[in-house]
Amino acid sequence: MPVTFNHTIIASKDRSASAAFYRELFELPEAPSWGPFANVLLDGGVLLQFAEPPVDIQMQHYAFLVDDELFARCLARIEGRGITYWADPQMRREGETNTEHGGRGFYFFDPAGHAIEIITRPYL
């Protein structure tokens, strides 16, 4: 069997709100949730499991590859919510997108404070 990515647990202050944020952002349907997890199912069976750990949340970076049409809709949703975004991970180009790696991309922080990157072309 080839190696594929299956799931990750993302620390959140409010697991239901975080899951709802990602479902809305990426236009995804509800997924079954259980135990301490609010789940979001991505294409290819990749599962994001949001949980509320009893510790301070440390910022993580998560990058999502989307097509050009969804990219435009994601950017419009971020702008519509008044969320600050940048073209670069150093946060120097506020309110801009980039054209790195032959595609487009931008960075922002999700409701739990994680650094999110949305791109239209993979790096490799």
PDB file of N, CA and C in Angstrom:
ATOM      1  N   MET A   1       0.846  -1.173   0.000  1.00  0.00           N
ATOM      2  CA  MET A   1       0.000   0.000   0.000  1.00  0.00           C
ATOM      3  C   MET A   1       0.896   1.242   0.000  1.00  0.00           C
ATOM      4  N   PRO A   2       0.588   2.225  -0.839  1.00  0.00           N
ATOM      5  CA  PRO A   2       1.372   3.466  -0.811  1.00  0.00           C
ATOM      6  C   PRO A   2       1.067   4.253   0.461  1.00  0.00           C
ATOM      7  N   VAL A   3       1.953   5.150   0.808  1.00  0.00           N
ATOM      8  CA  VAL A   3       1.744   6.000   1.984  1.00  0.00           C
ATOM      9  C   VAL A   3       0.831   7.154   1.595  1.00  0.00           C
ATOM     10  N   THR A   4      -0.219   7.359   2.356  1.00  0.00           N
ATOM     11  CA  THR A   4      -1.113   8.495   2.174  1.00  0.00           C
ATOM     12  C   THR A   4      -1.387   9.124   3.524  1.00  0.00           C
ATOM     13  N   PHE A   5      -1.810  10.370   3.496  1.00  0.00           N
ATOM     14  CA  PHE A   5      -2.147  11.072   4.741  1.00  0.00           C
ATOM     15  C   PHE A   5      -3.593  10.773   5.069  1.00  0.00           C
ATOM     16  N   ASN A   6      -3.873  10.366   6.316  1.00  0.00           N
ATOM     17  CA  ASN A   6      -5.214   9.951   6.691  1.00  0.00           C
ATOM     18  C   ASN A   6      -5.943  10.958   7.570  1.00  0.00           C
ATOM     19  N   HIS A   7      -5.336  11.405   8.672  1.00  0.00           N
ATOM     20  CA  HIS A   7      -6.019  12.356   9.550  1.00  0.00           C
ATOM     21  C   HIS A   7      -5.026  13.089  10.441  1.00  0.00           C
ATOM     22  N   THR A   8      -5.493  14.191  11.000  1.00  0.00           N
ATOM     23  CA  THR A   8      -4.729  14.919  12.003  1.00  0.00           C
ATOM     24  C   THR A   8      -5.696  15.525  13.007  1.00  0.00           C
ATOM     25  N   ILE A   9      -5.216  15.719  14.216  1.00  0.00           N
ATOM     26  CA  ILE A   9      -6.005  16.384  15.250  1.00  0.00           C
ATOM     27  C   ILE A   9      -5.529  17.825  15.328  1.00  0.00           C
ATOM     28  N   ILE A  10      -6.474  18.745  15.233  1.00  0.00           N
ATOM     29  CA  ILE A  10      -6.176  20.170  15.292  1.00  0.00           C
ATOM     30  C   ILE A  10      -6.736  20.728  16.599  1.00  0.00           C
ATOM     31  N   ALA A  11      -5.846  21.274  17.421  1.00  0.00           N
ATOM     32  CA  ALA A  11      -6.272  21.858  18.693  1.00  0.00           C
ATOM     33  C   ALA A  11      -7.103  23.103  18.429  1.00  0.00           C
ATOM     34  N   SER A  12      -8.157  23.252  19.214  1.00  0.00           N
ATOM     35  CA  SER A  12      -9.099  24.349  19.008  1.00  0.00           C
ATOM     36  C   SER A  12      -9.640  24.835  20.342  1.00  0.00           C
ATOM     37  N   LYS A  13     -10.040  26.092  20.378  1.00  0.00           N
ATOM     38  CA  LYS A  13     -10.702  26.632  21.567  1.00  0.00           C
ATOM     39  C   LYS A  13     -12.161  26.190  21.605  1.00  0.00           C
ATOM     40  N   ASP A  14     -12.754  26.019  20.425  1.00  0.00           N
ATOM     41  CA  ASP A  14     -14.151  25.590  20.288  1.00  0.00           C
ATOM     42  C   ASP A  14     -14.205  24.656  19.075  1.00  0.00           C
ATOM     43  N   ARG A  15     -14.193  23.361  19.335  1.00  0.00           N
ATOM     44  CA  ARG A  15     -14.090  22.387  18.250  1.00  0.00           C
ATOM     45  C   ARG A  15     -15.234  22.496  17.244  1.00  0.00           C
ATOM     46  N   SER A  16     -16.441  22.742  17.715  1.00  0.00           N
ATOM     47  CA  SER A  16     -17.586  22.849  16.802  1.00  0.00           C
ATOM     48  C   SER A  16     -17.475  24.082  15.923  1.00  0.00           C
ATOM     49  N   ALA A  17     -17.077  25.206  16.509  1.00  0.00           N
ATOM     50  CA  ALA A  17     -16.921  26.443  15.730  1.00  0.00           C
ATOM     51  C   ALA A  17     -15.796  26.308  14.711  1.00  0.00           C
ATOM     52  N   SER A  18     -14.694  25.676  15.100  1.00  0.00           N
ATOM     53  CA  SER A  18     -13.592  25.486  14.158  1.00  0.00           C
ATOM     54  C   SER A  18     -14.000  24.590  13.002  1.00  0.00           C
ATOM     55  N   ALA A  19     -14.669  23.479  13.309  1.00  0.00           N
ATOM     56  CA  ALA A  19     -15.124  22.581  12.246  1.00  0.00           C
ATOM     57  C   ALA A  19     -16.087  23.302  11.314  1.00  0.00           C
ATOM     58  N   ALA A  20     -16.998  24.077  11.870  1.00  0.00           N
ATOM     59  CA  ALA A  20     -17.948  24.830  11.045  1.00  0.00           C
ATOM     60  C   ALA A  20     -17.217  25.849  10.163  1.00  0.00           C
ATOM     61  N   PHE A  21     -16.192  26.494  10.695  1.00  0.00           N
ATOM     62  CA  PHE A  21     -15.404  27.452   9.924  1.00  0.00           C
ATOM     63  C   PHE A  21     -14.792  26.790   8.695  1.00  0.00           C
ATOM     64  N   TYR A  22     -14.164  25.634   8.880  1.00  0.00           N
ATOM     65  CA  TYR A  22     -13.527  24.927   7.767  1.00  0.00           C
ATOM     66  C   TYR A  22     -14.556  24.376   6.777  1.00  0.00           C
ATOM     67  N   ARG A  23     -15.672  23.866   7.292  1.00  0.00           N
ATOM     68  CA  ARG A  23     -16.713  23.375   6.377  1.00  0.00           C
ATOM     69  C   ARG A  23     -17.244  24.503   5.498  1.00  0.00           C
ATOM     70  N   GLU A  24     -17.493  25.655   6.100  1.00  0.00           N
ATOM     71  CA  GLU A  24     -17.989  26.797   5.331  1.00  0.00           C
ATOM     72  C   GLU A  24     -16.927  27.290   4.353  1.00  0.00           C
ATOM     73  N   LEU A  25     -15.700  27.440   4.832  1.00  0.00           N
ATOM     74  CA  LEU A  25     -14.627  27.948   3.986  1.00  0.00           C
ATOM     75  C   LEU A  25     -14.434  27.085   2.742  1.00  0.00           C
ATOM     76  N   PHE A  26     -14.419  25.772   2.925  1.00  0.00           N
ATOM     77  CA  PHE A  26     -14.141  24.849   1.823  1.00  0.00           C
ATOM     78  C   PHE A  26     -15.389  24.207   1.212  1.00  0.00           C
ATOM     79  N   GLU A  27     -16.569  24.676   1.625  1.00  0.00           N
ATOM     80  CA  GLU A  27     -17.841  24.202   1.050  1.00  0.00           C
ATOM     81  C   GLU A  27     -18.006  22.695   1.214  1.00  0.00           C
ATOM     82  N   LEU A  28     -17.829  22.227   2.424  1.00  0.00           N
ATOM     83  CA  LEU A  28     -17.877  20.797   2.710  1.00  0.00           C
ATOM     84  C   LEU A  28     -19.140  20.441   3.498  1.00  0.00           C
ATOM     85  N   PRO A  29     -19.672  19.236   3.300  1.00  0.00           N
ATOM     86  CA  PRO A  29     -20.846  18.810   4.060  1.00  0.00           C
ATOM     87  C   PRO A  29     -20.460  18.406   5.486  1.00  0.00           C
ATOM     88  N   GLU A  30     -21.471  18.252   6.309  1.00  0.00           N
ATOM     89  CA  GLU A  30     -21.259  17.744   7.666  1.00  0.00           C
ATOM     90  C   GLU A  30     -20.640  16.353   7.585  1.00  0.00           C
ATOM     91  N   ALA A  31     -19.795  16.028   8.564  1.00  0.00           N
ATOM     92  CA  ALA A  31     -19.214  14.691   8.669  1.00  0.00           C
ATOM     93  C   ALA A  31     -19.552  14.140  10.052  1.00  0.00           C
ATOM     94  N   PRO A  32     -19.654  12.820  10.181  1.00  0.00           N
ATOM     95  CA  PRO A  32     -19.910  12.253  11.505  1.00  0.00           C
ATOM     96  C   PRO A  32     -18.789  12.638  12.487  1.00  0.00           C
ATOM     97  N   SER A  33     -19.163  12.968  13.695  1.00  0.00           N
ATOM     98  CA  SER A  33     -18.205  13.287  14.751  1.00  0.00           C
ATOM     99  C   SER A  33     -18.429  12.335  15.902  1.00  0.00           C
ATOM    100  N   TRP A  34     -17.397  12.137  16.722  1.00  0.00           N
ATOM    101  CA  TRP A  34     -17.516  11.230  17.866  1.00  0.00           C
ATOM    102  C   TRP A  34     -16.541  11.646  18.956  1.00  0.00           C
ATOM    103  N   GLY A  35     -16.845  11.174  20.152  1.00  0.00           N
ATOM    104  CA  GLY A  35     -15.959  11.436  21.293  1.00  0.00           C
ATOM    105  C   GLY A  35     -15.606  12.908  21.404  1.00  0.00           C
ATOM    106  N   PRO A  36     -14.331  13.203  21.602  1.00  0.00           N
ATOM    107  CA  PRO A  36     -13.918  14.598  21.788  1.00  0.00           C
ATOM    108  C   PRO A  36     -13.681  15.351  20.473  1.00  0.00           C
ATOM    109  N   PHE A  37     -14.074  14.758  19.332  1.00  0.00           N
ATOM    110  CA  PHE A  37     -13.737  15.328  18.030  1.00  0.00           C
ATOM    111  C   PHE A  37     -14.948  15.866  17.275  1.00  0.00           C
ATOM    112  N   ALA A  38     -14.741  17.019  16.629  1.00  0.00           N
ATOM    113  CA  ALA A  38     -15.650  17.523  15.597  1.00  0.00           C
ATOM    114  C   ALA A  38     -14.885  17.345  14.298  1.00  0.00           C
ATOM    115  N   ASN A  39     -15.418  16.538  13.403  1.00  0.00           N
ATOM    116  CA  ASN A  39     -14.684  16.116  12.214  1.00  0.00           C
ATOM    117  C   ASN A  39     -15.071  16.874  10.960  1.00  0.00           C
ATOM    118  N   VAL A  40     -14.078  17.060  10.095  1.00  0.00           N
ATOM    119  CA  VAL A  40     -14.273  17.620   8.759  1.00  0.00           C
ATOM    120  C   VAL A  40     -13.590  16.655   7.795  1.00  0.00           C
ATOM    121  N   LEU A  41     -14.334  16.189   6.813  1.00  0.00           N
ATOM    122  CA  LEU A  41     -13.808  15.233   5.845  1.00  0.00           C
ATOM    123  C   LEU A  41     -13.442  15.956   4.559  1.00  0.00           C
ATOM    124  N   LEU A  42     -12.154  15.864   4.172  1.00  0.00           N
ATOM    125  CA  LEU A  42     -11.659  16.443   2.933  1.00  0.00           C
ATOM    126  C   LEU A  42     -11.663  15.380   1.840  1.00  0.00           C
ATOM    127  N   ASP A  43     -11.431  15.808   0.603  1.00  0.00           N
ATOM    128  CA  ASP A  43     -11.322  14.850  -0.501  1.00  0.00           C
ATOM    129  C   ASP A  43     -10.217  13.838  -0.203  1.00  0.00           C
ATOM    130  N   GLY A  44     -10.369  12.649  -0.752  1.00  0.00           N
ATOM    131  CA  GLY A  44      -9.379  11.604  -0.563  1.00  0.00           C
ATOM    132  C   GLY A  44      -9.470  10.931   0.790  1.00  0.00           C
ATOM    133  N   GLY A  45     -10.532  11.210   1.545  1.00  0.00           N
ATOM    134  CA  GLY A  45     -10.712  10.577   2.842  1.00  0.00           C
ATOM    135  C   GLY A  45      -9.876  11.153   3.963  1.00  0.00           C
ATOM    136  N   VAL A  46      -9.251  12.311   3.739  1.00  0.00           N
ATOM    137  CA  VAL A  46      -8.445  12.948   4.786  1.00  0.00           C
ATOM    138  C   VAL A  46      -9.382  13.584   5.804  1.00  0.00           C
ATOM    139  N   LEU A  47      -9.146  13.279   7.073  1.00  0.00           N
ATOM    140  CA  LEU A  47     -10.011  13.734   8.149  1.00  0.00           C
ATOM    141  C   LEU A  47      -9.292  14.765   9.017  1.00  0.00           C
ATOM    142  N   LEU A  48      -9.925  15.925   9.194  1.00  0.00           N
ATOM    143  CA  LEU A  48      -9.466  16.909  10.178  1.00  0.00           C
ATOM    144  C   LEU A  48     -10.320  16.704  11.410  1.00  0.00           C
ATOM    145  N   GLN A  49      -9.673  16.458  12.538  1.00  0.00           N
ATOM    146  CA  GLN A  49     -10.396  16.218  13.779  1.00  0.00           C
ATOM    147  C   GLN A  49     -10.084  17.351  14.751  1.00  0.00           C
ATOM    148  N   PHE A  50     -11.084  18.158  15.049  1.00  0.00           N
ATOM    149  CA  PHE A  50     -10.907  19.292  15.952  1.00  0.00           C
ATOM    150  C   PHE A  50     -11.222  18.862  17.375  1.00  0.00           C
ATOM    151  N   ALA A  51     -10.309  19.201  18.294  1.00  0.00           N
ATOM    152  CA  ALA A  51     -10.457  18.832  19.695  1.00  0.00           C
ATOM    153  C   ALA A  51     -10.069  20.016  20.562  1.00  0.00           C
ATOM    154  N   GLU A  52     -10.544  20.019  21.802  1.00  0.00           N
ATOM    155  CA  GLU A  52     -10.267  21.086  22.758  1.00  0.00           C
ATOM    156  C   GLU A  52      -9.353  20.554  23.866  1.00  0.00           C
ATOM    157  N   PRO A  53      -8.044  20.609  23.658  1.00  0.00           N
ATOM    158  CA  PRO A  53      -7.141  20.076  24.678  1.00  0.00           C
ATOM    159  C   PRO A  53      -7.106  20.985  25.913  1.00  0.00           C
ATOM    160  N   PRO A  54      -6.825  20.411  27.084  1.00  0.00           N
ATOM    161  CA  PRO A  54      -6.796  21.206  28.322  1.00  0.00           C
ATOM    162  C   PRO A  54      -5.441  21.907  28.529  1.00  0.00           C
ATOM    163  N   VAL A  55      -4.852  22.386  27.447  1.00  0.00           N
ATOM    164  CA  VAL A  55      -3.552  23.065  27.499  1.00  0.00           C
ATOM    165  C   VAL A  55      -3.614  24.298  26.598  1.00  0.00           C
ATOM    166  N   ASP A  56      -2.633  25.180  26.726  1.00  0.00           N
ATOM    167  CA  ASP A  56      -2.532  26.312  25.814  1.00  0.00           C
ATOM    168  C   ASP A  56      -2.291  25.792  24.402  1.00  0.00           C
ATOM    169  N   ILE A  57      -2.968  26.376  23.451  1.00  0.00           N
ATOM    170  CA  ILE A  57      -2.834  25.949  22.056  1.00  0.00           C
ATOM    171  C   ILE A  57      -1.606  26.599  21.441  1.00  0.00           C
ATOM    172  N   GLN A  58      -0.768  25.777  20.857  1.00  0.00           N
ATOM    173  CA  GLN A  58       0.404  26.258  20.138  1.00  0.00           C
ATOM    174  C   GLN A  58       0.048  26.368  18.658  1.00  0.00           C
ATOM    175  N   MET A  59       0.428  27.476  18.050  1.00  0.00           N
ATOM    176  CA  MET A  59       0.129  27.702  16.644  1.00  0.00           C
ATOM    177  C   MET A  59       0.789  26.638  15.775  1.00  0.00           C
ATOM    178  N   GLN A  60       0.032  26.125  14.839  1.00  0.00           N
ATOM    179  CA  GLN A  60       0.525  25.186  13.834  1.00  0.00           C
ATOM    180  C   GLN A  60       0.264  25.789  12.462  1.00  0.00           C
ATOM    181  N   HIS A  61       0.887  25.232  11.435  1.00  0.00           N
ATOM    182  CA  HIS A  61       0.675  25.681  10.064  1.00  0.00           C
ATOM    183  C   HIS A  61       0.019  24.556   9.285  1.00  0.00           C
ATOM    184  N   TYR A  62      -1.064  24.898   8.582  1.00  0.00           N
ATOM    185  CA  TYR A  62      -1.756  23.937   7.741  1.00  0.00           C
ATOM    186  C   TYR A  62      -1.953  24.572   6.369  1.00  0.00           C
ATOM    187  N   ALA A  63      -1.575  23.858   5.316  1.00  0.00           N
ATOM    188  CA  ALA A  63      -1.712  24.359   3.949  1.00  0.00           C
ATOM    189  C   ALA A  63      -2.716  23.489   3.197  1.00  0.00           C
ATOM    190  N   PHE A  64      -3.589  24.151   2.439  1.00  0.00           N
ATOM    191  CA  PHE A  64      -4.629  23.463   1.691  1.00  0.00           C
ATOM    192  C   PHE A  64      -4.512  23.806   0.210  1.00  0.00           C
ATOM    193  N   LEU A  65      -4.547  22.774  -0.613  1.00  0.00           N
ATOM    194  CA  LEU A  65      -4.483  22.918  -2.059  1.00  0.00           C
ATOM    195  C   LEU A  65      -5.909  22.899  -2.604  1.00  0.00           C
ATOM    196  N   VAL A  66      -6.295  23.960  -3.322  1.00  0.00           N
ATOM    197  CA  VAL A  66      -7.639  24.071  -3.891  1.00  0.00           C
ATOM    198  C   VAL A  66      -7.526  24.464  -5.362  1.00  0.00           C
ATOM    199  N   ASP A  67      -8.608  24.316  -6.106  1.00  0.00           N
ATOM    200  CA  ASP A  67      -8.581  24.772  -7.497  1.00  0.00           C
ATOM    201  C   ASP A  67      -8.802  26.283  -7.547  1.00  0.00           C
ATOM    202  N   ASP A  68      -8.627  26.853  -8.722  1.00  0.00           N
ATOM    203  CA  ASP A  68      -8.708  28.307  -8.873  1.00  0.00           C
ATOM    204  C   ASP A  68     -10.075  28.865  -8.486  1.00  0.00           C
ATOM    205  N   GLU A  69     -11.140  28.144  -8.827  1.00  0.00           N
ATOM    206  CA  GLU A  69     -12.486  28.625  -8.517  1.00  0.00           C
ATOM    207  C   GLU A  69     -12.740  28.638  -7.010  1.00  0.00           C
ATOM    208  N   LEU A  70     -12.371  27.566  -6.324  1.00  0.00           N
ATOM    209  CA  LEU A  70     -12.563  27.528  -4.884  1.00  0.00           C
ATOM    210  C   LEU A  70     -11.646  28.541  -4.203  1.00  0.00           C
ATOM    211  N   PHE A  71     -10.453  28.741  -4.727  1.00  0.00           N
ATOM    212  CA  PHE A  71      -9.544  29.744  -4.183  1.00  0.00           C
ATOM    213  C   PHE A  71     -10.233  31.105  -4.141  1.00  0.00           C
ATOM    214  N   ALA A  72     -10.843  31.493  -5.243  1.00  0.00           N
ATOM    215  CA  ALA A  72     -11.515  32.795  -5.311  1.00  0.00           C
ATOM    216  C   ALA A  72     -12.649  32.880  -4.294  1.00  0.00           C
ATOM    217  N   ARG A  73     -13.394  31.800  -4.138  1.00  0.00           N
ATOM    218  CA  ARG A  73     -14.498  31.810  -3.168  1.00  0.00           C
ATOM    219  C   ARG A  73     -13.975  31.827  -1.730  1.00  0.00           C
ATOM    220  N   CYS A  74     -12.889  31.100  -1.450  1.00  0.00           N
ATOM    221  CA  CYS A  74     -12.277  31.115  -0.113  1.00  0.00           C
ATOM    222  C   CYS A  74     -11.795  32.529   0.221  1.00  0.00           C
ATOM    223  N   LEU A  75     -11.106  33.154  -0.718  1.00  0.00           N
ATOM    224  CA  LEU A  75     -10.612  34.505  -0.497  1.00  0.00           C
ATOM    225  C   LEU A  75     -11.773  35.461  -0.234  1.00  0.00           C
ATOM    226  N   ALA A  76     -12.851  35.337  -0.991  1.00  0.00           N
ATOM    227  CA  ALA A  76     -14.024  36.193  -0.786  1.00  0.00           C
ATOM    228  C   ALA A  76     -14.629  35.968   0.600  1.00  0.00           C
ATOM    229  N   ARG A  77     -14.654  34.728   1.078  1.00  0.00           N
ATOM    230  CA  ARG A  77     -15.196  34.444   2.421  1.00  0.00           C
ATOM    231  C   ARG A  77     -14.316  35.063   3.505  1.00  0.00           C
ATOM    232  N   ILE A  78     -13.001  34.958   3.339  1.00  0.00           N
ATOM    233  CA  ILE A  78     -12.075  35.536   4.321  1.00  0.00           C
ATOM    234  C   ILE A  78     -12.245  37.053   4.344  1.00  0.00           C
ATOM    235  N   GLU A  79     -12.298  37.653   3.167  1.00  0.00           N
ATOM    236  CA  GLU A  79     -12.508  39.104   3.089  1.00  0.00           C
ATOM    237  C   GLU A  79     -13.860  39.484   3.685  1.00  0.00           C
ATOM    238  N   GLY A  80     -14.896  38.704   3.377  1.00  0.00           N
ATOM    239  CA  GLY A  80     -16.238  38.972   3.885  1.00  0.00           C
ATOM    240  C   GLY A  80     -16.332  38.911   5.397  1.00  0.00           C
ATOM    241  N   ARG A  81     -15.505  38.103   6.017  1.00  0.00           N
ATOM    242  CA  ARG A  81     -15.482  37.993   7.481  1.00  0.00           C
ATOM    243  C   ARG A  81     -14.565  39.036   8.120  1.00  0.00           C
ATOM    244  N   GLY A  82     -13.890  39.808   7.286  1.00  0.00           N
ATOM    245  CA  GLY A  82     -12.975  40.819   7.815  1.00  0.00           C
ATOM    246  C   GLY A  82     -11.706  40.231   8.406  1.00  0.00           C
ATOM    247  N   ILE A  83     -11.317  39.040   7.961  1.00  0.00           N
ATOM    248  CA  ILE A  83     -10.111  38.382   8.460  1.00  0.00           C
ATOM    249  C   ILE A  83      -8.909  38.918   7.682  1.00  0.00           C
ATOM    250  N   THR A  84      -7.896  39.349   8.393  1.00  0.00           N
ATOM    251  CA  THR A  84      -6.677  39.837   7.763  1.00  0.00           C
ATOM    252  C   THR A  84      -5.956  38.683   7.094  1.00  0.00           C
ATOM    253  N   TYR A  85      -5.437  38.934   5.898  1.00  0.00           N
ATOM    254  CA  TYR A  85      -4.671  37.913   5.187  1.00  0.00           C
ATOM    255  C   TYR A  85      -3.460  38.569   4.534  1.00  0.00           C
ATOM    256  N   TRP A  86      -2.500  37.715   4.179  1.00  0.00           N
ATOM    257  CA  TRP A  86      -1.239  38.170   3.625  1.00  0.00           C
ATOM    258  C   TRP A  86      -0.843  37.306   2.431  1.00  0.00           C
ATOM    259  N   ALA A  87       0.006  37.867   1.568  1.00  0.00           N
ATOM    260  CA  ALA A  87       0.556  37.121   0.443  1.00  0.00           C
ATOM    261  C   ALA A  87       1.758  36.288   0.861  1.00  0.00           C
ATOM    262  N   ASP A  88       2.314  36.572   2.043  1.00  0.00           N
ATOM    263  CA  ASP A  88       3.568  35.940   2.462  1.00  0.00           C
ATOM    264  C   ASP A  88       3.484  35.483   3.918  1.00  0.00           C
ATOM    265  N   PRO A  89       4.242  34.444   4.268  1.00  0.00           N
ATOM    266  CA  PRO A  89       4.202  33.951   5.644  1.00  0.00           C
ATOM    267  C   PRO A  89       4.849  34.906   6.653  1.00  0.00           C
ATOM    268  N   GLN A  90       5.617  35.862   6.184  1.00  0.00           N
ATOM    269  CA  GLN A  90       6.225  36.855   7.081  1.00  0.00           C
ATOM    270  C   GLN A  90       5.238  37.975   7.422  1.00  0.00           C
ATOM    271  N   MET A  91       4.062  37.938   6.814  1.00  0.00           N
ATOM    272  CA  MET A  91       2.986  38.902   7.061  1.00  0.00           C
ATOM    273  C   MET A  91       3.413  40.341   6.739  1.00  0.00           C
ATOM    274  N   ARG A  92       4.074  40.519   5.603  1.00  0.00           N
ATOM    275  CA  ARG A  92       4.501  41.848   5.164  1.00  0.00           C
ATOM    276  C   ARG A  92       3.597  42.416   4.080  1.00  0.00           C
ATOM    277  N   ARG A  93       2.908  41.532   3.348  1.00  0.00           N
ATOM    278  CA  ARG A  93       2.089  41.963   2.210  1.00  0.00           C
ATOM    279  C   ARG A  93       0.608  41.751   2.536  1.00  0.00           C
ATOM    280  N   GLU A  94       0.099  42.559   3.445  1.00  0.00           N
ATOM    281  CA  GLU A  94      -1.280  42.440   3.910  1.00  0.00           C
ATOM    282  C   GLU A  94      -2.271  42.767   2.789  1.00  0.00           C
ATOM    283  N   GLY A  95      -3.349  41.978   2.737  1.00  0.00           N
ATOM    284  CA  GLY A  95      -4.404  42.221   1.770  1.00  0.00           C
ATOM    285  C   GLY A  95      -4.044  41.852   0.343  1.00  0.00           C
ATOM    286  N   GLU A  96      -2.980  41.079   0.175  1.00  0.00           N
ATOM    287  CA  GLU A  96      -2.544  40.662  -1.156  1.00  0.00           C
ATOM    288  C   GLU A  96      -2.507  39.139  -1.227  1.00  0.00           C
ATOM    289  N   THR A  97      -2.496  38.619  -2.461  1.00  0.00           N
ATOM    290  CA  THR A  97      -2.240  37.200  -2.702  1.00  0.00           C
ATOM    291  C   THR A  97      -0.918  37.093  -3.440  1.00  0.00           C
ATOM    292  N   ASN A  98      -0.352  35.891  -3.470  1.00  0.00           N
ATOM    293  CA  ASN A  98       0.918  35.699  -4.172  1.00  0.00           C
ATOM    294  C   ASN A  98       0.708  34.855  -5.422  1.00  0.00           C
ATOM    295  N   THR A  99       1.744  34.798  -6.238  1.00  0.00           N
ATOM    296  CA  THR A  99       1.725  33.972  -7.449  1.00  0.00           C
ATOM    297  C   THR A  99       2.943  33.044  -7.452  1.00  0.00           C
ATOM    298  N   GLU A 100       3.221  32.474  -6.285  1.00  0.00           N
ATOM    299  CA  GLU A 100       4.358  31.558  -6.145  1.00  0.00           C
ATOM    300  C   GLU A 100       4.051  30.212  -6.792  1.00  0.00           C
ATOM    301  N   HIS A 101       5.079  29.546  -7.265  1.00  0.00           N
ATOM    302  CA  HIS A 101       4.993  28.166  -7.766  1.00  0.00           C
ATOM    303  C   HIS A 101       3.984  28.008  -8.904  1.00  0.00           C
ATOM    304  N   GLY A 102       3.761  29.074  -9.674  1.00  0.00           N
ATOM    305  CA  GLY A 102       2.871  28.994 -10.823  1.00  0.00           C
ATOM    306  C   GLY A 102       1.398  29.042 -10.491  1.00  0.00           C
ATOM    307  N   GLY A 103       1.061  29.341  -9.249  1.00  0.00           N
ATOM    308  CA  GLY A 103      -0.339  29.439  -8.839  1.00  0.00           C
ATOM    309  C   GLY A 103      -0.565  30.673  -7.996  1.00  0.00           C
ATOM    310  N   ARG A 104      -1.595  30.640  -7.195  1.00  0.00           N
ATOM    311  CA  ARG A 104      -1.910  31.741  -6.283  1.00  0.00           C
ATOM    312  C   ARG A 104      -1.949  31.209  -4.862  1.00  0.00           C
ATOM    313  N   GLY A 105      -1.741  32.101  -3.899  1.00  0.00           N
ATOM    314  CA  GLY A 105      -1.793  31.692  -2.511  1.00  0.00           C
ATOM    315  C   GLY A 105      -1.982  32.863  -1.579  1.00  0.00           C
ATOM    316  N   PHE A 106      -2.437  32.552  -0.350  1.00  0.00           N
ATOM    317  CA  PHE A 106      -2.499  33.549   0.714  1.00  0.00           C
ATOM    318  C   PHE A 106      -2.497  32.847   2.071  1.00  0.00           C
ATOM    319  N   TYR A 107      -2.236  33.636   3.107  1.00  0.00           N
ATOM    320  CA  TYR A 107      -2.107  33.162   4.483  1.00  0.00           C
ATOM    321  C   TYR A 107      -3.050  33.943   5.388  1.00  0.00           C
ATOM    322  N   PHE A 108      -3.559  33.289   6.432  1.00  0.00           N
ATOM    323  CA  PHE A 108      -4.388  33.950   7.437  1.00  0.00           C
ATOM    324  C   PHE A 108      -4.387  33.080   8.688  1.00  0.00           C
ATOM    325  N   PHE A 109      -5.004  33.572   9.752  1.00  0.00           N
ATOM    326  CA  PHE A 109      -5.125  32.796  10.983  1.00  0.00           C
ATOM    327  C   PHE A 109      -6.561  32.322  11.140  1.00  0.00           C
ATOM    328  N   ASP A 110      -6.728  31.047  11.500  1.00  0.00           N
ATOM    329  CA  ASP A 110      -8.060  30.505  11.726  1.00  0.00           C
ATOM    330  C   ASP A 110      -8.546  30.912  13.122  1.00  0.00           C
ATOM    331  N   PRO A 111      -9.773  30.551  13.500  1.00  0.00           N
ATOM    332  CA  PRO A 111     -10.309  30.977  14.801  1.00  0.00           C
ATOM    333  C   PRO A 111      -9.497  30.519  16.017  1.00  0.00           C
ATOM    334  N   ALA A 112      -8.727  29.442  15.883  1.00  0.00           N
ATOM    335  CA  ALA A 112      -7.907  28.954  16.999  1.00  0.00           C
ATOM    336  C   ALA A 112      -6.507  29.553  16.993  1.00  0.00           C
ATOM    337  N   GLY A 113      -6.191  30.366  15.977  1.00  0.00           N
ATOM    338  CA  GLY A 113      -4.871  30.991  15.899  1.00  0.00           C
ATOM    339  C   GLY A 113      -3.848  30.225  15.086  1.00  0.00           C
ATOM    340  N   HIS A 114      -4.278  29.214  14.338  1.00  0.00           N
ATOM    341  CA  HIS A 114      -3.358  28.473  13.486  1.00  0.00           C
ATOM    342  C   HIS A 114      -3.123  29.234  12.181  1.00  0.00           C
ATOM    343  N   ALA A 115      -1.900  29.145  11.662  1.00  0.00           N
ATOM    344  CA  ALA A 115      -1.541  29.798  10.407  1.00  0.00           C
ATOM    345  C   ALA A 115      -2.004  28.916   9.252  1.00  0.00           C
ATOM    346  N   ILE A 116      -2.911  29.441   8.445  1.00  0.00           N
ATOM    347  CA  ILE A 116      -3.490  28.689   7.341  1.00  0.00           C
ATOM    348  C   ILE A 116      -2.989  29.261   6.024  1.00  0.00           C
ATOM    349  N   GLU A 117      -2.648  28.376   5.115  1.00  0.00           N
ATOM    350  CA  GLU A 117      -2.203  28.753   3.781  1.00  0.00           C
ATOM    351  C   GLU A 117      -3.124  28.082   2.776  1.00  0.00           C
ATOM    352  N   ILE A 118      -3.588  28.848   1.814  1.00  0.00           N
ATOM    353  CA  ILE A 118      -4.411  28.303   0.746  1.00  0.00           C
ATOM    354  C   ILE A 118      -3.661  28.557  -0.561  1.00  0.00           C
ATOM    355  N   ILE A 119      -3.432  27.468  -1.324  1.00  0.00           N
ATOM    356  CA  ILE A 119      -2.668  27.577  -2.566  1.00  0.00           C
ATOM    357  C   ILE A 119      -3.418  26.863  -3.697  1.00  0.00           C
ATOM    358  N   THR A 120      -3.070  27.248  -4.942  1.00  0.00           N
ATOM    359  CA  THR A 120      -3.699  26.617  -6.097  1.00  0.00           C
ATOM    360  C   THR A 120      -2.767  25.676  -6.847  1.00  0.00           C
ATOM    361  N   ARG A 121      -1.481  25.665  -6.496  1.00  0.00           N
ATOM    362  CA  ARG A 121      -0.518  24.755  -7.117  1.00  0.00           C
ATOM    363  C   ARG A 121       0.396  24.184  -6.036  1.00  0.00           C
ATOM    364  N   PRO A 122       0.699  22.899  -6.122  1.00  0.00           N
ATOM    365  CA  PRO A 122       1.609  22.322  -5.126  1.00  0.00           C
ATOM    366  C   PRO A 122       3.030  22.862  -5.319  1.00  0.00           C
ATOM    367  N   TYR A 123       3.814  22.830  -4.265  1.00  0.00           N
ATOM    368  CA  TYR A 123       5.200  23.316  -4.333  1.00  0.00           C
ATOM    369  C   TYR A 123       6.091  22.408  -5.162  1.00  0.00           C
ATOM    370  N   LEU A 124       5.847  21.122  -5.139  1.00  0.00           N
ATOM    371  CA  LEU A 124       6.663  20.162  -5.913  1.00  0.00           C
ATOM    372  C   LEU A 124       5.805  19.441  -6.924  1.00  0.00           C
TER     373      LEU A 124
END
